[in-house]
């Protein structure tokens, strides 16, 4: 029986293109994940992203002020501030590029970040394929706007007829829930 949307009558699959035989996920798709599953995946990813950005900050900090990394008995102080070059727009752009590469790498590779894997969520374009780099960049930038607006872009899912957020719509991508594998569930 075809899936039902919460806002419409059942839709017929007549005339729909058959699913690819080699697409193992296409047979086991569920609807889009809810807001709280998305947020839980984001929390997982933020911890990993923080570690990546921390290391990425140490690299230019070391080259711009190596004396900050050398302990000397004469200078028994702690560095509390980064050099001015690490506080400007170039540094912020550098971090933004790293964030885009972080998410883009995972989304282009498997459609999932580590948090998305833990919460069984997968990102696809509207055709069910891996998103392009352009879609990844748009998604990261609009997701930042969604968060900056107090999370309104995420809460929008409750109002949208397809349960899509602002960045889903802007990047022409969709998140899908992946059901638990029944074989693995029986073993545990």
C-alpha atoms as a PDB file:
ATOM      1  CA  UNK A   1       0.000   0.000   0.000  1.00  0.00           C
ATOM      2  CA  UNK A   2       1.417   3.449  -0.828  1.00  0.00           C
ATOM      3  CA  UNK A   3       2.554   5.686   2.057  1.00  0.00           C
ATOM      4  CA  UNK A   4       0.095   8.230   3.390  1.00  0.00           C
ATOM      5  CA  UNK A   5       0.958  11.853   3.919  1.00  0.00           C
ATOM      6  CA  UNK A   6      -0.453  13.479   7.021  1.00  0.00           C
ATOM      7  CA  UNK A   7      -2.038  16.192   4.859  1.00  0.00           C
ATOM      8  CA  UNK A   8      -3.372  14.288   1.883  1.00  0.00           C
ATOM      9  CA  UNK A   9      -5.160  11.195   0.687  1.00  0.00           C
ATOM     10  CA  UNK A  10      -3.203   8.046  -0.224  1.00  0.00           C
ATOM     11  CA  UNK A  11      -1.166   8.452  -3.385  1.00  0.00           C
ATOM     12  CA  UNK A  12      -1.136   5.821  -6.109  1.00  0.00           C
ATOM     13  CA  UNK A  13       2.172   4.462  -7.377  1.00  0.00           C
ATOM     14  CA  UNK A  14       0.776   3.890 -10.877  1.00  0.00           C
ATOM     15  CA  UNK A  15       3.093   5.272 -13.500  1.00  0.00           C
ATOM     16  CA  UNK A  16       5.935   5.711 -11.005  1.00  0.00           C
ATOM     17  CA  UNK A  17       9.413   4.723 -12.123  1.00  0.00           C
ATOM     18  CA  UNK A  18      10.599   1.418 -10.657  1.00  0.00           C
ATOM     19  CA  UNK A  19      13.249   1.612  -7.951  1.00  0.00           C
ATOM     20  CA  UNK A  20      16.793   0.663  -8.839  1.00  0.00           C
ATOM     21  CA  UNK A  21      17.633  -2.943  -8.050  1.00  0.00           C
ATOM     22  CA  UNK A  22      21.096  -2.058  -6.744  1.00  0.00           C
ATOM     23  CA  UNK A  23      19.814   0.639  -4.396  1.00  0.00           C
ATOM     24  CA  UNK A  24      19.543  -1.317  -1.154  1.00  0.00           C
ATOM     25  CA  UNK A  25      18.297   1.702   0.780  1.00  0.00           C
ATOM     26  CA  UNK A  26      15.436   2.441  -1.624  1.00  0.00           C
ATOM     27  CA  UNK A  27      13.517  -0.612  -0.433  1.00  0.00           C
ATOM     28  CA  UNK A  28      13.872   0.308   3.227  1.00  0.00           C
ATOM     29  CA  UNK A  29      13.141   4.028   3.356  1.00  0.00           C
ATOM     30  CA  UNK A  30      10.925   5.657   5.917  1.00  0.00           C
ATOM     31  CA  UNK A  31       9.606   9.191   5.991  1.00  0.00           C
ATOM     32  CA  UNK A  32      11.610  12.226   7.039  1.00  0.00           C
ATOM     33  CA  UNK A  33      12.978  12.353  10.589  1.00  0.00           C
ATOM     34  CA  UNK A  34      11.415  14.691  13.109  1.00  0.00           C
ATOM     35  CA  UNK A  35      12.908  17.856  14.551  1.00  0.00           C
ATOM     36  CA  UNK A  36      14.243  16.210  17.693  1.00  0.00           C
ATOM     37  CA  UNK A  37      16.066  13.415  15.827  1.00  0.00           C
ATOM     38  CA  UNK A  38      17.671  16.035  13.619  1.00  0.00           C
ATOM     39  CA  UNK A  39      18.748  18.060  16.649  1.00  0.00           C
ATOM     40  CA  UNK A  40      20.139  14.946  18.352  1.00  0.00           C
ATOM     41  CA  UNK A  41      22.238  14.209  15.250  1.00  0.00           C
ATOM     42  CA  UNK A  42      23.427  17.829  15.223  1.00  0.00           C
ATOM     43  CA  UNK A  43      24.535  17.554  18.863  1.00  0.00           C
ATOM     44  CA  UNK A  44      26.624  14.468  18.031  1.00  0.00           C
ATOM     45  CA  UNK A  45      28.160  16.235  15.044  1.00  0.00           C
ATOM     46  CA  UNK A  46      28.911  19.420  16.987  1.00  0.00           C
ATOM     47  CA  UNK A  47      31.241  17.532  19.332  1.00  0.00           C
ATOM     48  CA  UNK A  48      33.230  16.089  16.434  1.00  0.00           C
ATOM     49  CA  UNK A  49      33.173  19.392  14.545  1.00  0.00           C
ATOM     50  CA  UNK A  50      34.420  21.238  17.644  1.00  0.00           C
ATOM     51  CA  UNK A  51      37.426  18.901  17.831  1.00  0.00           C
ATOM     52  CA  UNK A  52      38.171  19.403  14.128  1.00  0.00           C
ATOM     53  CA  UNK A  53      37.932  23.203  14.427  1.00  0.00           C
ATOM     54  CA  UNK A  54      40.056  23.177  17.586  1.00  0.00           C
ATOM     55  CA  UNK A  55      42.894  21.366  15.808  1.00  0.00           C
ATOM     56  CA  UNK A  56      42.387  23.554  12.732  1.00  0.00           C
ATOM     57  CA  UNK A  57      42.821  26.633  14.938  1.00  0.00           C
ATOM     58  CA  UNK A  58      46.017  25.323  16.521  1.00  0.00           C
ATOM     59  CA  UNK A  59      47.748  25.066  13.146  1.00  0.00           C
ATOM     60  CA  UNK A  60      47.619  28.759  12.134  1.00  0.00           C
ATOM     61  CA  UNK A  61      48.037  29.821  15.777  1.00  0.00           C
ATOM     62  CA  UNK A  62      51.302  27.921  15.951  1.00  0.00           C
ATOM     63  CA  UNK A  63      52.666  29.477  12.759  1.00  0.00           C
ATOM     64  CA  UNK A  64      51.527  33.003  13.620  1.00  0.00           C
ATOM     65  CA  UNK A  65      52.815  32.981  17.203  1.00  0.00           C
ATOM     66  CA  UNK A  66      55.043  29.962  17.931  1.00  0.00           C
ATOM     67  CA  UNK A  67      56.276  31.602  21.130  1.00  0.00           C
ATOM     68  CA  UNK A  68      52.835  30.945  22.646  1.00  0.00           C
ATOM     69  CA  UNK A  69      53.452  27.202  22.412  1.00  0.00           C
ATOM     70  CA  UNK A  70      56.878  27.197  24.063  1.00  0.00           C
ATOM     71  CA  UNK A  71      57.004  26.970  27.835  1.00  0.00           C
ATOM     72  CA  UNK A  72      59.822  28.861  29.427  1.00  0.00           C
ATOM     73  CA  UNK A  73      60.674  29.252  33.118  1.00  0.00           C
ATOM     74  CA  UNK A  74      61.087  33.023  32.669  1.00  0.00           C
ATOM     75  CA  UNK A  75      57.623  33.408  31.156  1.00  0.00           C
ATOM     76  CA  UNK A  76      55.283  31.637  33.566  1.00  0.00           C
ATOM     77  CA  UNK A  77      52.093  33.029  32.067  1.00  0.00           C
ATOM     78  CA  UNK A  78      49.144  31.576  30.241  1.00  0.00           C
ATOM     79  CA  UNK A  79      48.087  32.868  26.845  1.00  0.00           C
ATOM     80  CA  UNK A  80      44.469  34.010  27.004  1.00  0.00           C
ATOM     81  CA  UNK A  81      44.088  35.628  23.613  1.00  0.00           C
ATOM     82  CA  UNK A  82      44.736  34.653  20.039  1.00  0.00           C
ATOM     83  CA  UNK A  83      46.697  36.907  17.746  1.00  0.00           C
ATOM     84  CA  UNK A  84      44.693  39.499  15.811  1.00  0.00           C
ATOM     85  CA  UNK A  85      44.892  37.545  12.490  1.00  0.00           C
ATOM     86  CA  UNK A  86      42.982  34.699  14.169  1.00  0.00           C
ATOM     87  CA  UNK A  87      40.112  37.025  15.066  1.00  0.00           C
ATOM     88  CA  UNK A  88      39.344  38.597  11.696  1.00  0.00           C
ATOM     89  CA  UNK A  89      37.208  37.820   8.679  1.00  0.00           C
ATOM     90  CA  UNK A  90      39.919  35.707   7.063  1.00  0.00           C
ATOM     91  CA  UNK A  91      39.956  33.406  10.072  1.00  0.00           C
ATOM     92  CA  UNK A  92      36.151  33.184  10.135  1.00  0.00           C
ATOM     93  CA  UNK A  93      36.142  32.406   6.416  1.00  0.00           C
ATOM     94  CA  UNK A  94      38.772  29.725   7.025  1.00  0.00           C
ATOM     95  CA  UNK A  95      36.565  28.116   9.683  1.00  0.00           C
ATOM     96  CA  UNK A  96      33.487  28.342   7.428  1.00  0.00           C
ATOM     97  CA  UNK A  97      35.359  26.600   4.622  1.00  0.00           C
ATOM     98  CA  UNK A  98      36.375  23.850   7.064  1.00  0.00           C
ATOM     99  CA  UNK A  99      32.757  23.437   8.226  1.00  0.00           C
ATOM    100  CA  UNK A 100      31.589  23.142   4.607  1.00  0.00           C
ATOM    101  CA  UNK A 101      34.344  20.607   3.868  1.00  0.00           C
ATOM    102  CA  UNK A 102      33.474  18.650   7.035  1.00  0.00           C
ATOM    103  CA  UNK A 103      29.789  18.272   6.190  1.00  0.00           C
ATOM    104  CA  UNK A 104      30.325  18.076   2.425  1.00  0.00           C
ATOM    105  CA  UNK A 105      32.832  15.234   2.808  1.00  0.00           C
ATOM    106  CA  UNK A 106      30.433  13.101   4.826  1.00  0.00           C
ATOM    107  CA  UNK A 107      27.347  13.954   2.765  1.00  0.00           C
ATOM    108  CA  UNK A 108      29.115  13.306  -0.539  1.00  0.00           C
ATOM    109  CA  UNK A 109      30.715  10.080   0.706  1.00  0.00           C
ATOM    110  CA  UNK A 110      27.750   8.296   2.290  1.00  0.00           C
ATOM    111  CA  UNK A 111      24.993  10.855   2.790  1.00  0.00           C
ATOM    112  CA  UNK A 112      25.553  10.692   6.542  1.00  0.00           C
ATOM    113  CA  UNK A 113      27.677  12.389   9.165  1.00  0.00           C
ATOM    114  CA  UNK A 114      28.553  10.379  12.274  1.00  0.00           C
ATOM    115  CA  UNK A 115      25.594  11.877  14.149  1.00  0.00           C
ATOM    116  CA  UNK A 116      23.294  11.035  11.263  1.00  0.00           C
ATOM    117  CA  UNK A 117      24.579   7.445  11.301  1.00  0.00           C
ATOM    118  CA  UNK A 118      23.867   7.164  15.025  1.00  0.00           C
ATOM    119  CA  UNK A 119      20.314   8.472  14.561  1.00  0.00           C
ATOM    120  CA  UNK A 120      19.734   6.566  11.283  1.00  0.00           C
ATOM    121  CA  UNK A 121      19.238   9.618   9.066  1.00  0.00           C
ATOM    122  CA  UNK A 122      20.455   9.931   5.486  1.00  0.00           C
ATOM    123  CA  UNK A 123      20.739  12.982   3.225  1.00  0.00           C
ATOM    124  CA  UNK A 124      19.779  12.631  -0.430  1.00  0.00           C
ATOM    125  CA  UNK A 125      18.956  14.951  -3.275  1.00  0.00           C
ATOM    126  CA  UNK A 126      15.399  14.897  -4.613  1.00  0.00           C
ATOM    127  CA  UNK A 127      16.314  12.066  -7.023  1.00  0.00           C
ATOM    128  CA  UNK A 128      17.512   9.813  -4.179  1.00  0.00           C
ATOM    129  CA  UNK A 129      21.200  10.284  -5.051  1.00  0.00           C
ATOM    130  CA  UNK A 130      24.143  11.785  -3.154  1.00  0.00           C
ATOM    131  CA  UNK A 131      23.949  15.574  -2.999  1.00  0.00           C
ATOM    132  CA  UNK A 132      26.313  17.660  -5.136  1.00  0.00           C
ATOM    133  CA  UNK A 133      28.946  19.966  -3.653  1.00  0.00           C
ATOM    134  CA  UNK A 134      26.769  22.941  -4.577  1.00  0.00           C
ATOM    135  CA  UNK A 135      23.875  21.446  -2.641  1.00  0.00           C
ATOM    136  CA  UNK A 136      26.164  20.780   0.337  1.00  0.00           C
ATOM    137  CA  UNK A 137      27.427  24.386   0.380  1.00  0.00           C
ATOM    138  CA  UNK A 138      23.909  25.817   0.112  1.00  0.00           C
ATOM    139  CA  UNK A 139      22.701  23.459   2.834  1.00  0.00           C
ATOM    140  CA  UNK A 140      25.450  24.442   5.293  1.00  0.00           C
ATOM    141  CA  UNK A 141      24.988  28.175   4.680  1.00  0.00           C
ATOM    142  CA  UNK A 142      21.191  28.118   4.967  1.00  0.00           C
ATOM    143  CA  UNK A 143      21.397  25.821   8.017  1.00  0.00           C
ATOM    144  CA  UNK A 144      23.532  28.507   9.663  1.00  0.00           C
ATOM    145  CA  UNK A 145      20.815  31.045   8.917  1.00  0.00           C
ATOM    146  CA  UNK A 146      18.208  28.599  10.267  1.00  0.00           C
ATOM    147  CA  UNK A 147      20.098  28.317  13.538  1.00  0.00           C
ATOM    148  CA  UNK A 148      20.819  32.046  13.732  1.00  0.00           C
ATOM    149  CA  UNK A 149      17.074  32.704  13.469  1.00  0.00           C
ATOM    150  CA  UNK A 150      16.567  30.892  16.765  1.00  0.00           C
ATOM    151  CA  UNK A 151      16.179  27.525  15.076  1.00  0.00           C
ATOM    152  CA  UNK A 152      13.160  28.752  13.111  1.00  0.00           C
ATOM    153  CA  UNK A 153      14.428  26.977   9.990  1.00  0.00           C
ATOM    154  CA  UNK A 154      14.275  23.686  11.892  1.00  0.00           C
ATOM    155  CA  UNK A 155      10.932  24.338  13.596  1.00  0.00           C
ATOM    156  CA  UNK A 156       9.590  25.061  10.110  1.00  0.00           C
ATOM    157  CA  UNK A 157       9.411  21.279   9.642  1.00  0.00           C
ATOM    158  CA  UNK A 158       6.205  21.276  11.704  1.00  0.00           C
ATOM    159  CA  UNK A 159       4.550  23.698   9.266  1.00  0.00           C
ATOM    160  CA  UNK A 160       5.912  22.326   5.995  1.00  0.00           C
ATOM    161  CA  UNK A 161       3.681  19.851   4.159  1.00  0.00           C
ATOM    162  CA  UNK A 162       6.711  17.650   3.287  1.00  0.00           C
ATOM    163  CA  UNK A 163       8.404  18.018   6.712  1.00  0.00           C
ATOM    164  CA  UNK A 164      11.351  19.847   5.165  1.00  0.00           C
ATOM    165  CA  UNK A 165      13.423  22.583   6.783  1.00  0.00           C
ATOM    166  CA  UNK A 166      14.601  25.821   5.171  1.00  0.00           C
ATOM    167  CA  UNK A 167      17.942  24.285   4.222  1.00  0.00           C
ATOM    168  CA  UNK A 168      16.248  21.172   2.828  1.00  0.00           C
ATOM    169  CA  UNK A 169      14.181  23.388   0.538  1.00  0.00           C
ATOM    170  CA  UNK A 170      17.013  25.767  -0.405  1.00  0.00           C
ATOM    171  CA  UNK A 171      19.462  22.966  -1.271  1.00  0.00           C
ATOM    172  CA  UNK A 172      16.828  20.744  -2.908  1.00  0.00           C
ATOM    173  CA  UNK A 173      17.727  17.877  -0.590  1.00  0.00           C
ATOM    174  CA  UNK A 174      15.740  15.682   1.749  1.00  0.00           C
ATOM    175  CA  UNK A 175      16.522  13.755   4.918  1.00  0.00           C
ATOM    176  CA  UNK A 176      15.252  10.197   5.178  1.00  0.00           C
ATOM    177  CA  UNK A 177      14.950   7.991   8.230  1.00  0.00           C
ATOM    178  CA  UNK A 178      16.627   4.617   7.913  1.00  0.00           C
ATOM    179  CA  UNK A 179      14.829   1.818   9.775  1.00  0.00           C
ATOM    180  CA  UNK A 180      16.733  -0.505  12.063  1.00  0.00           C
ATOM    181  CA  UNK A 181      18.004  -3.629  10.371  1.00  0.00           C
ATOM    182  CA  UNK A 182      15.700  -6.414  11.574  1.00  0.00           C
ATOM    183  CA  UNK A 183      18.520  -9.000  11.523  1.00  0.00           C
ATOM    184  CA  UNK A 184      20.727  -6.860  13.770  1.00  0.00           C
ATOM    185  CA  UNK A 185      17.810  -6.062  16.089  1.00  0.00           C
ATOM    186  CA  UNK A 186      17.165  -9.787  16.710  1.00  0.00           C
ATOM    187  CA  UNK A 187      20.827 -10.458  17.623  1.00  0.00           C
ATOM    188  CA  UNK A 188      20.960  -7.746  20.306  1.00  0.00           C
END
